[in-house]
Amino acid sequence: MTPRTVATAFRIVAVAEAITWIGLLAGMFVKWVLQTSELGVQVFGPIHGGVFVVYVLVALVAARVLRWSAGTTVLALAASVPPLATVWFERRATRSGELPARGALTA
């Protein structure tokens, strides 16, 4: 796996994890606040769970391929817990150079 491929996969999964979080939060709002339906939770719960697991695996692969420090790796994994934090981490890692910029050539 090339660093560019891993970075692209990480970006896609980070955004997907955030989107599924939004869906799950919307489903929980409908279930617990509006008390009208559990469908959103039933649909987005398993989807978010699956994408969460994929994010963790891709983050571990990225940590190895991109040679992240232990601190960066822990931060990437911790970002999977709060809603939308995976997108924050992806942007932070890109700014700091820990995640190659889109279209960047690798040596």
PDB file of N, CA and C in Angstrom:
ATOM      1  N   MET A   1       0.841  -1.179   0.000  1.00  0.00           N
ATOM      2  CA  MET A   1       0.000   0.000   0.000  1.00  0.00           C
ATOM      3  C   MET A   1       0.888   1.245   0.000  1.00  0.00           C
ATOM      4  N   THR A   2       0.543   2.158  -0.854  1.00  0.00           N
ATOM      5  CA  THR A   2       1.297   3.403  -0.911  1.00  0.00           C
ATOM      6  C   THR A   2       0.722   4.401   0.097  1.00  0.00           C
ATOM      7  N   PRO A   3       1.541   5.354   0.535  1.00  0.00           N
ATOM      8  CA  PRO A   3       1.022   6.373   1.447  1.00  0.00           C
ATOM      9  C   PRO A   3      -0.159   7.139   0.854  1.00  0.00           C
ATOM     10  N   ARG A   4      -0.125   7.383  -0.436  1.00  0.00           N
ATOM     11  CA  ARG A   4      -1.221   8.113  -1.088  1.00  0.00           C
ATOM     12  C   ARG A   4      -2.518   7.313  -1.014  1.00  0.00           C
ATOM     13  N   THR A   5      -2.439   6.009  -1.271  1.00  0.00           N
ATOM     14  CA  THR A   5      -3.621   5.140  -1.213  1.00  0.00           C
ATOM     15  C   THR A   5      -4.184   5.085   0.203  1.00  0.00           C
ATOM     16  N   VAL A   6      -3.300   4.943   1.171  1.00  0.00           N
ATOM     17  CA  VAL A   6      -3.731   4.874   2.570  1.00  0.00           C
ATOM     18  C   VAL A   6      -4.366   6.199   2.989  1.00  0.00           C
ATOM     19  N   ALA A   7      -3.755   7.317   2.591  1.00  0.00           N
ATOM     20  CA  ALA A   7      -4.301   8.627   2.944  1.00  0.00           C
ATOM     21  C   ALA A   7      -5.685   8.823   2.332  1.00  0.00           C
ATOM     22  N   THR A   8      -5.855   8.409   1.090  1.00  0.00           N
ATOM     23  CA  THR A   8      -7.160   8.530   0.430  1.00  0.00           C
ATOM     24  C   THR A   8      -8.203   7.668   1.137  1.00  0.00           C
ATOM     25  N   ALA A   9      -7.842   6.433   1.451  1.00  0.00           N
ATOM     26  CA  ALA A   9      -8.762   5.539   2.158  1.00  0.00           C
ATOM     27  C   ALA A   9      -9.120   6.124   3.521  1.00  0.00           C
ATOM     28  N   PHE A  10      -8.132   6.664   4.221  1.00  0.00           N
ATOM     29  CA  PHE A  10      -8.390   7.245   5.534  1.00  0.00           C
ATOM     30  C   PHE A  10      -9.366   8.400   5.425  1.00  0.00           C
ATOM     31  N   ARG A  11      -9.153   9.276   4.448  1.00  0.00           N
ATOM     32  CA  ARG A  11     -10.054  10.427   4.270  1.00  0.00           C
ATOM     33  C   ARG A  11     -11.492   9.977   4.004  1.00  0.00           C
ATOM     34  N   ILE A  12     -11.652   9.005   3.117  1.00  0.00           N
ATOM     35  CA  ILE A  12     -12.991   8.520   2.764  1.00  0.00           C
ATOM     36  C   ILE A  12     -13.689   7.925   3.983  1.00  0.00           C
ATOM     37  N   VAL A  13     -12.971   7.098   4.721  1.00  0.00           N
ATOM     38  CA  VAL A  13     -13.577   6.441   5.881  1.00  0.00           C
ATOM     39  C   VAL A  13     -13.837   7.448   7.008  1.00  0.00           C
ATOM     40  N   ALA A  14     -12.968   8.441   7.180  1.00  0.00           N
ATOM     41  CA  ALA A  14     -13.179   9.460   8.218  1.00  0.00           C
ATOM     42  C   ALA A  14     -14.464  10.235   7.946  1.00  0.00           C
ATOM     43  N   VAL A  15     -14.686  10.597   6.694  1.00  0.00           N
ATOM     44  CA  VAL A  15     -15.910  11.328   6.343  1.00  0.00           C
ATOM     45  C   VAL A  15     -17.128  10.413   6.469  1.00  0.00           C
ATOM     46  N   ALA A  16     -16.996   9.177   6.025  1.00  0.00           N
ATOM     47  CA  ALA A  16     -18.111   8.233   6.139  1.00  0.00           C
ATOM     48  C   ALA A  16     -18.487   8.003   7.597  1.00  0.00           C
ATOM     49  N   GLU A  17     -17.501   7.925   8.470  1.00  0.00           N
ATOM     50  CA  GLU A  17     -17.768   7.731   9.893  1.00  0.00           C
ATOM     51  C   GLU A  17     -18.540   8.924  10.448  1.00  0.00           C
ATOM     52  N   ALA A  18     -18.161  10.126  10.038  1.00  0.00           N
ATOM     53  CA  ALA A  18     -18.858  11.330  10.492  1.00  0.00           C
ATOM     54  C   ALA A  18     -20.295  11.371   9.968  1.00  0.00           C
ATOM     55  N   ILE A  19     -20.487  11.004   8.715  1.00  0.00           N
ATOM     56  CA  ILE A  19     -21.832  11.003   8.127  1.00  0.00           C
ATOM     57  C   ILE A  19     -22.741  10.001   8.829  1.00  0.00           C
ATOM     58  N   THR A  20     -22.199   8.817   9.114  1.00  0.00           N
ATOM     59  CA  THR A  20     -23.031   7.832   9.799  1.00  0.00           C
ATOM     60  C   THR A  20     -23.328   8.258  11.230  1.00  0.00           C
ATOM     61  N   TRP A  21     -22.413   9.009  11.841  1.00  0.00           N
ATOM     62  CA  TRP A  21     -22.682   9.577  13.170  1.00  0.00           C
ATOM     63  C   TRP A  21     -23.880  10.514  13.090  1.00  0.00           C
ATOM     64  N   ILE A  22     -23.906  11.370  12.063  1.00  0.00           N
ATOM     65  CA  ILE A  22     -25.023  12.310  11.894  1.00  0.00           C
ATOM     66  C   ILE A  22     -26.336  11.543  11.744  1.00  0.00           C
ATOM     67  N   GLY A  23     -26.314  10.498  10.924  1.00  0.00           N
ATOM     68  CA  GLY A  23     -27.517   9.682  10.753  1.00  0.00           C
ATOM     69  C   GLY A  23     -27.967   9.042  12.052  1.00  0.00           C
ATOM     70  N   LEU A  24     -27.014   8.526  12.812  1.00  0.00           N
ATOM     71  CA  LEU A  24     -27.359   7.894  14.087  1.00  0.00           C
ATOM     72  C   LEU A  24     -27.882   8.925  15.081  1.00  0.00           C
ATOM     73  N   LEU A  25     -27.255  10.095  15.129  1.00  0.00           N
ATOM     74  CA  LEU A  25     -27.749  11.141  16.032  1.00  0.00           C
ATOM     75  C   LEU A  25     -29.161  11.581  15.651  1.00  0.00           C
ATOM     76  N   ALA A  26     -29.430  11.704  14.357  1.00  0.00           N
ATOM     77  CA  ALA A  26     -30.778  12.057  13.905  1.00  0.00           C
ATOM     78  C   ALA A  26     -31.769  10.961  14.301  1.00  0.00           C
ATOM     79  N   GLY A  27     -31.365   9.717  14.130  1.00  0.00           N
ATOM     80  CA  GLY A  27     -32.219   8.602  14.528  1.00  0.00           C
ATOM     81  C   GLY A  27     -32.498   8.596  16.021  1.00  0.00           C
ATOM     82  N   MET A  28     -31.483   8.914  16.823  1.00  0.00           N
ATOM     83  CA  MET A  28     -31.678   8.964  18.273  1.00  0.00           C
ATOM     84  C   MET A  28     -32.595  10.129  18.663  1.00  0.00           C
ATOM     85  N   PHE A  29     -32.475  11.239  17.947  1.00  0.00           N
ATOM     86  CA  PHE A  29     -33.361  12.375  18.210  1.00  0.00           C
ATOM     87  C   PHE A  29     -34.818  11.985  17.955  1.00  0.00           C
ATOM     88  N   VAL A  30     -35.050  11.333  16.827  1.00  0.00           N
ATOM     89  CA  VAL A  30     -36.418  10.916  16.495  1.00  0.00           C
ATOM     90  C   VAL A  30     -36.926   9.892  17.512  1.00  0.00           C
ATOM     91  N   LYS A  31     -36.059   8.974  17.904  1.00  0.00           N
ATOM     92  CA  LYS A  31     -36.480   7.937  18.840  1.00  0.00           C
ATOM     93  C   LYS A  31     -36.739   8.493  20.235  1.00  0.00           C
ATOM     94  N   TRP A  32     -35.812   9.279  20.758  1.00  0.00           N
ATOM     95  CA  TRP A  32     -35.889   9.674  22.165  1.00  0.00           C
ATOM     96  C   TRP A  32     -36.580  11.015  22.409  1.00  0.00           C
ATOM     97  N   VAL A  33     -36.472  11.960  21.480  1.00  0.00           N
ATOM     98  CA  VAL A  33     -37.081  13.271  21.699  1.00  0.00           C
ATOM     99  C   VAL A  33     -38.488  13.317  21.098  1.00  0.00           C
ATOM    100  N   LEU A  34     -38.576  12.985  19.822  1.00  0.00           N
ATOM    101  CA  LEU A  34     -39.886  12.998  19.175  1.00  0.00           C
ATOM    102  C   LEU A  34     -40.722  11.770  19.531  1.00  0.00           C
ATOM    103  N   GLN A  35     -40.059  10.714  19.908  1.00  0.00           N
ATOM    104  CA  GLN A  35     -40.679   9.451  20.292  1.00  0.00           C
ATOM    105  C   GLN A  35     -41.682   8.955  19.251  1.00  0.00           C
ATOM    106  N   THR A  36     -41.248   9.014  17.987  1.00  0.00           N
ATOM    107  CA  THR A  36     -42.143   8.577  16.914  1.00  0.00           C
ATOM    108  C   THR A  36     -41.697   7.298  16.231  1.00  0.00           C
ATOM    109  N   SER A  37     -40.388   7.053  16.159  1.00  0.00           N
ATOM    110  CA  SER A  37     -39.926   5.885  15.422  1.00  0.00           C
ATOM    111  C   SER A  37     -38.526   5.486  15.867  1.00  0.00           C
ATOM    112  N   GLU A  38     -38.253   4.204  15.784  1.00  0.00           N
ATOM    113  CA  GLU A  38     -36.916   3.679  16.058  1.00  0.00           C
ATOM    114  C   GLU A  38     -36.174   3.355  14.767  1.00  0.00           C
ATOM    115  N   LEU A  39     -36.777   3.613  13.633  1.00  0.00           N
ATOM    116  CA  LEU A  39     -36.215   3.219  12.352  1.00  0.00           C
ATOM    117  C   LEU A  39     -34.820   3.800  12.116  1.00  0.00           C
ATOM    118  N   GLY A  40     -34.622   5.070  12.434  1.00  0.00           N
ATOM    119  CA  GLY A  40     -33.324   5.701  12.214  1.00  0.00           C
ATOM    120  C   GLY A  40     -32.209   5.015  12.979  1.00  0.00           C
ATOM    121  N   VAL A  41     -32.491   4.639  14.214  1.00  0.00           N
ATOM    122  CA  VAL A  41     -31.501   3.937  15.036  1.00  0.00           C
ATOM    123  C   VAL A  41     -31.282   2.527  14.501  1.00  0.00           C
ATOM    124  N   GLN A  42     -32.368   1.880  14.090  1.00  0.00           N
ATOM    125  CA  GLN A  42     -32.253   0.521  13.561  1.00  0.00           C
ATOM    126  C   GLN A  42     -31.449   0.485  12.267  1.00  0.00           C
ATOM    127  N   VAL A  43     -31.549   1.541  11.465  1.00  0.00           N
ATOM    128  CA  VAL A  43     -30.818   1.594  10.200  1.00  0.00           C
ATOM    129  C   VAL A  43     -29.382   2.076  10.417  1.00  0.00           C
ATOM    130  N   PHE A  44     -29.237   3.237  11.063  1.00  0.00           N
ATOM    131  CA  PHE A  44     -27.915   3.847  11.176  1.00  0.00           C
ATOM    132  C   PHE A  44     -27.047   3.235  12.275  1.00  0.00           C
ATOM    133  N   GLY A  45     -27.634   2.575  13.257  1.00  0.00           N
ATOM    134  CA  GLY A  45     -26.844   1.931  14.306  1.00  0.00           C
ATOM    135  C   GLY A  45     -25.853   0.915  13.741  1.00  0.00           C
ATOM    136  N   PRO A  46     -26.340  -0.088  13.019  1.00  0.00           N
ATOM    137  CA  PRO A  46     -25.414  -1.079  12.450  1.00  0.00           C
ATOM    138  C   PRO A  46     -24.470  -0.497  11.394  1.00  0.00           C
ATOM    139  N   ILE A  47     -24.976   0.442  10.596  1.00  0.00           N
ATOM    140  CA  ILE A  47     -24.119   1.052   9.572  1.00  0.00           C
ATOM    141  C   ILE A  47     -22.982   1.803  10.254  1.00  0.00           C
ATOM    142  N   HIS A  48     -23.323   2.604  11.253  1.00  0.00           N
ATOM    143  CA  HIS A  48     -22.285   3.351  11.963  1.00  0.00           C
ATOM    144  C   HIS A  48     -21.311   2.404  12.654  1.00  0.00           C
ATOM    145  N   GLY A  49     -21.819   1.351  13.252  1.00  0.00           N
ATOM    146  CA  GLY A  49     -20.947   0.375  13.911  1.00  0.00           C
ATOM    147  C   GLY A  49     -19.944  -0.233  12.943  1.00  0.00           C
ATOM    148  N   GLY A  50     -20.419  -0.598  11.752  1.00  0.00           N
ATOM    149  CA  GLY A  50     -19.525  -1.169  10.742  1.00  0.00           C
ATOM    150  C   GLY A  50     -18.485  -0.172  10.263  1.00  0.00           C
ATOM    151  N   VAL A  51     -18.920   1.050  10.004  1.00  0.00           N
ATOM    152  CA  VAL A  51     -17.981   2.076   9.534  1.00  0.00           C
ATOM    153  C   VAL A  51     -16.998   2.430  10.647  1.00  0.00           C
ATOM    154  N   PHE A  52     -17.446   2.422  11.884  1.00  0.00           N
ATOM    155  CA  PHE A  52     -16.560   2.664  13.024  1.00  0.00           C
ATOM    156  C   PHE A  52     -15.427   1.638  13.050  1.00  0.00           C
ATOM    157  N   VAL A  53     -15.758   0.375  12.893  1.00  0.00           N
ATOM    158  CA  VAL A  53     -14.742  -0.685  12.896  1.00  0.00           C
ATOM    159  C   VAL A  53     -13.780  -0.493  11.725  1.00  0.00           C
ATOM    160  N   VAL A  54     -14.304  -0.170  10.560  1.00  0.00           N
ATOM    161  CA  VAL A  54     -13.446   0.069   9.390  1.00  0.00           C
ATOM    162  C   VAL A  54     -12.525   1.257   9.650  1.00  0.00           C
ATOM    163  N   TYR A  55     -13.052   2.330  10.251  1.00  0.00           N
ATOM    164  CA  TYR A  55     -12.227   3.495  10.569  1.00  0.00           C
ATOM    165  C   TYR A  55     -11.061   3.102  11.475  1.00  0.00           C
ATOM    166  N   VAL A  56     -11.341   2.348  12.517  1.00  0.00           N
ATOM    167  CA  VAL A  56     -10.283   1.931  13.443  1.00  0.00           C
ATOM    168  C   VAL A  56      -9.219   1.122  12.696  1.00  0.00           C
ATOM    169  N   LEU A  57      -9.645   0.197  11.854  1.00  0.00           N
ATOM    170  CA  LEU A  57      -8.681  -0.614  11.094  1.00  0.00           C
ATOM    171  C   LEU A  57      -7.870   0.237  10.129  1.00  0.00           C
ATOM    172  N   VAL A  58      -8.519   1.138   9.407  1.00  0.00           N
ATOM    173  CA  VAL A  58      -7.806   2.002   8.461  1.00  0.00           C
ATOM    174  C   VAL A  58      -6.866   2.939   9.210  1.00  0.00           C
ATOM    175  N   ALA A  59      -7.278   3.426  10.374  1.00  0.00           N
ATOM    176  CA  ALA A  59      -6.400   4.283  11.175  1.00  0.00           C
ATOM    177  C   ALA A  59      -5.142   3.523  11.606  1.00  0.00           C
ATOM    178  N   LEU A  60      -5.291   2.267  11.986  1.00  0.00           N
ATOM    179  CA  LEU A  60      -4.126   1.469  12.375  1.00  0.00           C
ATOM    180  C   LEU A  60      -3.205   1.202  11.187  1.00  0.00           C
ATOM    181  N   VAL A  61      -3.791   0.938  10.020  1.00  0.00           N
ATOM    182  CA  VAL A  61      -2.978   0.760   8.807  1.00  0.00           C
ATOM    183  C   VAL A  61      -2.268   2.065   8.470  1.00  0.00           C
ATOM    184  N   ALA A  62      -2.985   3.173   8.540  1.00  0.00           N
ATOM    185  CA  ALA A  62      -2.386   4.481   8.248  1.00  0.00           C
ATOM    186  C   ALA A  62      -1.248   4.772   9.220  1.00  0.00           C
ATOM    187  N   ALA A  63      -1.447   4.463  10.486  1.00  0.00           N
ATOM    188  CA  ALA A  63      -0.400   4.703  11.484  1.00  0.00           C
ATOM    189  C   ALA A  63       0.878   3.953  11.128  1.00  0.00           C
ATOM    190  N   ARG A  64       0.707   2.755  10.638  1.00  0.00           N
ATOM    191  CA  ARG A  64       1.886   1.940  10.277  1.00  0.00           C
ATOM    192  C   ARG A  64       2.526   2.436   8.985  1.00  0.00           C
ATOM    193  N   VAL A  65       1.722   2.617   7.947  1.00  0.00           N
ATOM    194  CA  VAL A  65       2.248   3.008   6.638  1.00  0.00           C
ATOM    195  C   VAL A  65       2.807   4.429   6.660  1.00  0.00           C
ATOM    196  N   LEU A  66       2.113   5.329   7.344  1.00  0.00           N
ATOM    197  CA  LEU A  66       2.528   6.728   7.369  1.00  0.00           C
ATOM    198  C   LEU A  66       3.469   7.033   8.530  1.00  0.00           C
ATOM    199  N   ARG A  67       3.766   6.024   9.327  1.00  0.00           N
ATOM    200  CA  ARG A  67       4.711   6.124  10.446  1.00  0.00           C
ATOM    201  C   ARG A  67       4.312   7.216  11.442  1.00  0.00           C
ATOM    202  N   TRP A  68       3.057   7.152  11.860  1.00  0.00           N
ATOM    203  CA  TRP A  68       2.576   8.099  12.851  1.00  0.00           C
ATOM    204  C   TRP A  68       3.204   7.790  14.205  1.00  0.00           C
ATOM    205  N   SER A  69       3.350   8.816  15.019  1.00  0.00           N
ATOM    206  CA  SER A  69       3.808   8.618  16.395  1.00  0.00           C
ATOM    207  C   SER A  69       2.692   7.945  17.189  1.00  0.00           C
ATOM    208  N   ALA A  70       3.055   7.456  18.354  1.00  0.00           N
ATOM    209  CA  ALA A  70       2.042   6.828  19.210  1.00  0.00           C
ATOM    210  C   ALA A  70       0.960   7.837  19.582  1.00  0.00           C
ATOM    211  N   GLY A  71       1.358   9.071  19.835  1.00  0.00           N
ATOM    212  CA  GLY A  71       0.390  10.110  20.189  1.00  0.00           C
ATOM    213  C   GLY A  71      -0.596  10.396  19.069  1.00  0.00           C
ATOM    214  N   THR A  72      -0.092  10.478  17.843  1.00  0.00           N
ATOM    215  CA  THR A  72      -0.970  10.713  16.692  1.00  0.00           C
ATOM    216  C   THR A  72      -1.909   9.537  16.496  1.00  0.00           C
ATOM    217  N   THR A  73      -1.393   8.333  16.665  1.00  0.00           N
ATOM    218  CA  THR A  73      -2.223   7.131  16.517  1.00  0.00           C
ATOM    219  C   THR A  73      -3.337   7.103  17.557  1.00  0.00           C
ATOM    220  N   VAL A  74      -3.004   7.396  18.799  1.00  0.00           N
ATOM    221  CA  VAL A  74      -4.009   7.415  19.865  1.00  0.00           C
ATOM    222  C   VAL A  74      -5.046   8.500  19.580  1.00  0.00           C
ATOM    223  N   LEU A  75      -4.601   9.661  19.100  1.00  0.00           N
ATOM    224  CA  LEU A  75      -5.526  10.739  18.781  1.00  0.00           C
ATOM    225  C   LEU A  75      -6.466  10.334  17.640  1.00  0.00           C
ATOM    226  N   ALA A  76      -5.932   9.671  16.622  1.00  0.00           N
ATOM    227  CA  ALA A  76      -6.763   9.196  15.506  1.00  0.00           C
ATOM    228  C   ALA A  76      -7.816   8.210  16.012  1.00  0.00           C
ATOM    229  N   LEU A  77      -7.416   7.314  16.889  1.00  0.00           N
ATOM    230  CA  LEU A  77      -8.358   6.335  17.425  1.00  0.00           C
ATOM    231  C   LEU A  77      -9.375   7.003  18.358  1.00  0.00           C
ATOM    232  N   ALA A  78      -8.928   7.928  19.171  1.00  0.00           N
ATOM    233  CA  ALA A  78      -9.841   8.639  20.077  1.00  0.00           C
ATOM    234  C   ALA A  78     -10.841   9.489  19.294  1.00  0.00           C
ATOM    235  N   ALA A  79     -10.446   9.963  18.125  1.00  0.00           N
ATOM    236  CA  ALA A  79     -11.339  10.793  17.301  1.00  0.00           C
ATOM    237  C   ALA A  79     -12.549  10.006  16.801  1.00  0.00           C
ATOM    238  N   SER A  80     -12.497   8.700  16.890  1.00  0.00           N
ATOM    239  CA  SER A  80     -13.637   7.898  16.428  1.00  0.00           C
ATOM    240  C   SER A  80     -14.802   7.927  17.412  1.00  0.00           C
ATOM    241  N   VAL A  81     -14.571   8.422  18.614  1.00  0.00           N
ATOM    242  CA  VAL A  81     -15.613   8.371  19.640  1.00  0.00           C
ATOM    243  C   VAL A  81     -16.552   9.586  19.594  1.00  0.00           C
ATOM    244  N   PRO A  82     -16.046  10.819  19.681  1.00  0.00           N
ATOM    245  CA  PRO A  82     -16.984  11.954  19.632  1.00  0.00           C
ATOM    246  C   PRO A  82     -17.535  12.162  18.216  1.00  0.00           C
ATOM    247  N   PRO A  83     -18.780  12.581  18.114  1.00  0.00           N
ATOM    248  CA  PRO A  83     -19.346  12.821  16.784  1.00  0.00           C
ATOM    249  C   PRO A  83     -18.534  13.842  15.981  1.00  0.00           C
ATOM    250  N   LEU A  84     -18.274  13.518  14.724  1.00  0.00           N
ATOM    251  CA  LEU A  84     -17.613  14.367  13.739  1.00  0.00           C
ATOM    252  C   LEU A  84     -16.125  14.621  14.006  1.00  0.00           C
ATOM    253  N   ALA A  85     -15.558  14.037  15.032  1.00  0.00           N
ATOM    254  CA  ALA A  85     -14.148  14.269  15.356  1.00  0.00           C
ATOM    255  C   ALA A  85     -13.204  13.639  14.340  1.00  0.00           C
ATOM    256  N   THR A  86     -13.665  12.644  13.598  1.00  0.00           N
ATOM    257  CA  THR A  86     -12.793  12.037  12.588  1.00  0.00           C
ATOM    258  C   THR A  86     -12.462  13.035  11.484  1.00  0.00           C
ATOM    259  N   VAL A  87     -13.416  13.882  11.137  1.00  0.00           N
ATOM    260  CA  VAL A  87     -13.162  14.916  10.126  1.00  0.00           C
ATOM    261  C   VAL A  87     -12.187  15.941  10.687  1.00  0.00           C
ATOM    262  N   TRP A  88     -12.357  16.318  11.946  1.00  0.00           N
ATOM    263  CA  TRP A  88     -11.415  17.234  12.593  1.00  0.00           C
ATOM    264  C   TRP A  88      -9.999  16.650  12.559  1.00  0.00           C
ATOM    265  N   PHE A  89      -9.877  15.357  12.926  1.00  0.00           N
ATOM    266  CA  PHE A  89      -8.553  14.744  12.942  1.00  0.00           C
ATOM    267  C   PHE A  89      -7.947  14.698  11.541  1.00  0.00           C
ATOM    268  N   GLU A  90      -8.741  14.355  10.546  1.00  0.00           N
ATOM    269  CA  GLU A  90      -8.225  14.292   9.162  1.00  0.00           C
ATOM    270  C   GLU A  90      -7.671  15.651   8.750  1.00  0.00           C
ATOM    271  N   ARG A  91      -8.381  16.715   9.047  1.00  0.00           N
ATOM    272  CA  ARG A  91      -7.908  18.063   8.696  1.00  0.00           C
ATOM    273  C   ARG A  91      -6.662  18.433   9.492  1.00  0.00           C
ATOM    274  N   ARG A  92      -6.638  18.090  10.761  1.00  0.00           N
ATOM    275  CA  ARG A  92      -5.472  18.371  11.595  1.00  0.00           C
ATOM    276  C   ARG A  92      -4.254  17.625  11.081  1.00  0.00           C
ATOM    277  N   ALA A  93      -4.429  16.350  10.769  1.00  0.00           N
ATOM    278  CA  ALA A  93      -3.309  15.539  10.288  1.00  0.00           C
ATOM    279  C   ALA A  93      -2.811  16.029   8.927  1.00  0.00           C
ATOM    280  N   THR A  94      -3.699  16.510   8.090  1.00  0.00           N
ATOM    281  CA  THR A  94      -3.287  17.058   6.792  1.00  0.00           C
ATOM    282  C   THR A  94      -2.486  18.339   6.998  1.00  0.00           C
ATOM    283  N   ARG A  95      -2.980  19.232   7.856  1.00  0.00           N
ATOM    284  CA  ARG A  95      -2.265  20.491   8.122  1.00  0.00           C
ATOM    285  C   ARG A  95      -0.882  20.251   8.710  1.00  0.00           C
ATOM    286  N   SER A  96      -0.767  19.254   9.577  1.00  0.00           N
ATOM    287  CA  SER A  96       0.508  18.999  10.253  1.00  0.00           C
ATOM    288  C   SER A  96       1.465  18.164   9.399  1.00  0.00           C
ATOM    289  N   GLY A  97       0.990  17.659   8.260  1.00  0.00           N
ATOM    290  CA  GLY A  97       1.838  16.846   7.394  1.00  0.00           C
ATOM    291  C   GLY A  97       1.861  15.369   7.752  1.00  0.00           C
ATOM    292  N   GLU A  98       1.076  14.966   8.739  1.00  0.00           N
ATOM    293  CA  GLU A  98       1.032  13.554   9.130  1.00  0.00           C
ATOM    294  C   GLU A  98       0.194  12.723   8.158  1.00  0.00           C
ATOM    295  N   LEU A  99      -0.642  13.393   7.401  1.00  0.00           N
ATOM    296  CA  LEU A  99      -1.454  12.757   6.370  1.00  0.00           C
ATOM    297  C   LEU A  99      -1.136  13.498   5.064  1.00  0.00           C
ATOM    298  N   PRO A 100      -0.587  12.794   4.074  1.00  0.00           N
ATOM    299  CA  PRO A 100      -0.203  13.484   2.829  1.00  0.00           C
ATOM    300  C   PRO A 100      -1.397  14.235   2.228  1.00  0.00           C
ATOM    301  N   ALA A 101      -1.115  15.451   1.765  1.00  0.00           N
ATOM    302  CA  ALA A 101      -2.156  16.267   1.158  1.00  0.00           C
ATOM    303  C   ALA A 101      -2.694  15.596  -0.088  1.00  0.00           C
ATOM    304  N   ARG A 102      -3.942  15.887  -0.428  1.00  0.00           N
ATOM    305  CA  ARG A 102      -4.538  15.314  -1.645  1.00  0.00           C
ATOM    306  C   ARG A 102      -3.701  15.722  -2.848  1.00  0.00           C
ATOM    307  N   GLY A 103      -3.387  14.765  -3.684  1.00  0.00           N
ATOM    308  CA  GLY A 103      -2.628  15.040  -4.894  1.00  0.00           C
ATOM    309  C   GLY A 103      -1.138  15.192  -4.671  1.00  0.00           C
ATOM    310  N   ALA A 104      -0.678  15.063  -3.417  1.00  0.00           N
ATOM    311  CA  ALA A 104       0.752  15.183  -3.149  1.00  0.00           C
ATOM    312  C   ALA A 104       1.484  13.967  -3.677  1.00  0.00           C
ATOM    313  N   LEU A 105       2.634  14.198  -4.257  1.00  0.00           N
ATOM    314  CA  LEU A 105       3.460  13.092  -4.731  1.00  0.00           C
ATOM    315  C   LEU A 105       4.251  12.534  -3.577  1.00  0.00           C
ATOM    316  N   THR A 106       4.398  11.232  -3.549  1.00  0.00           N
ATOM    317  CA  THR A 106       5.167  10.610  -2.496  1.00  0.00           C
ATOM    318  C   THR A 106       6.520  10.215  -3.045  1.00  0.00           C
ATOM    319  N   ALA A 107       7.513  10.236  -2.188  1.00  0.00           N
ATOM    320  CA  ALA A 107       8.874   9.890  -2.616  1.00  0.00           C
ATOM    321  C   ALA A 107       9.102   8.413  -2.524  1.00  0.00           C
TER     322      ALA A 107
END
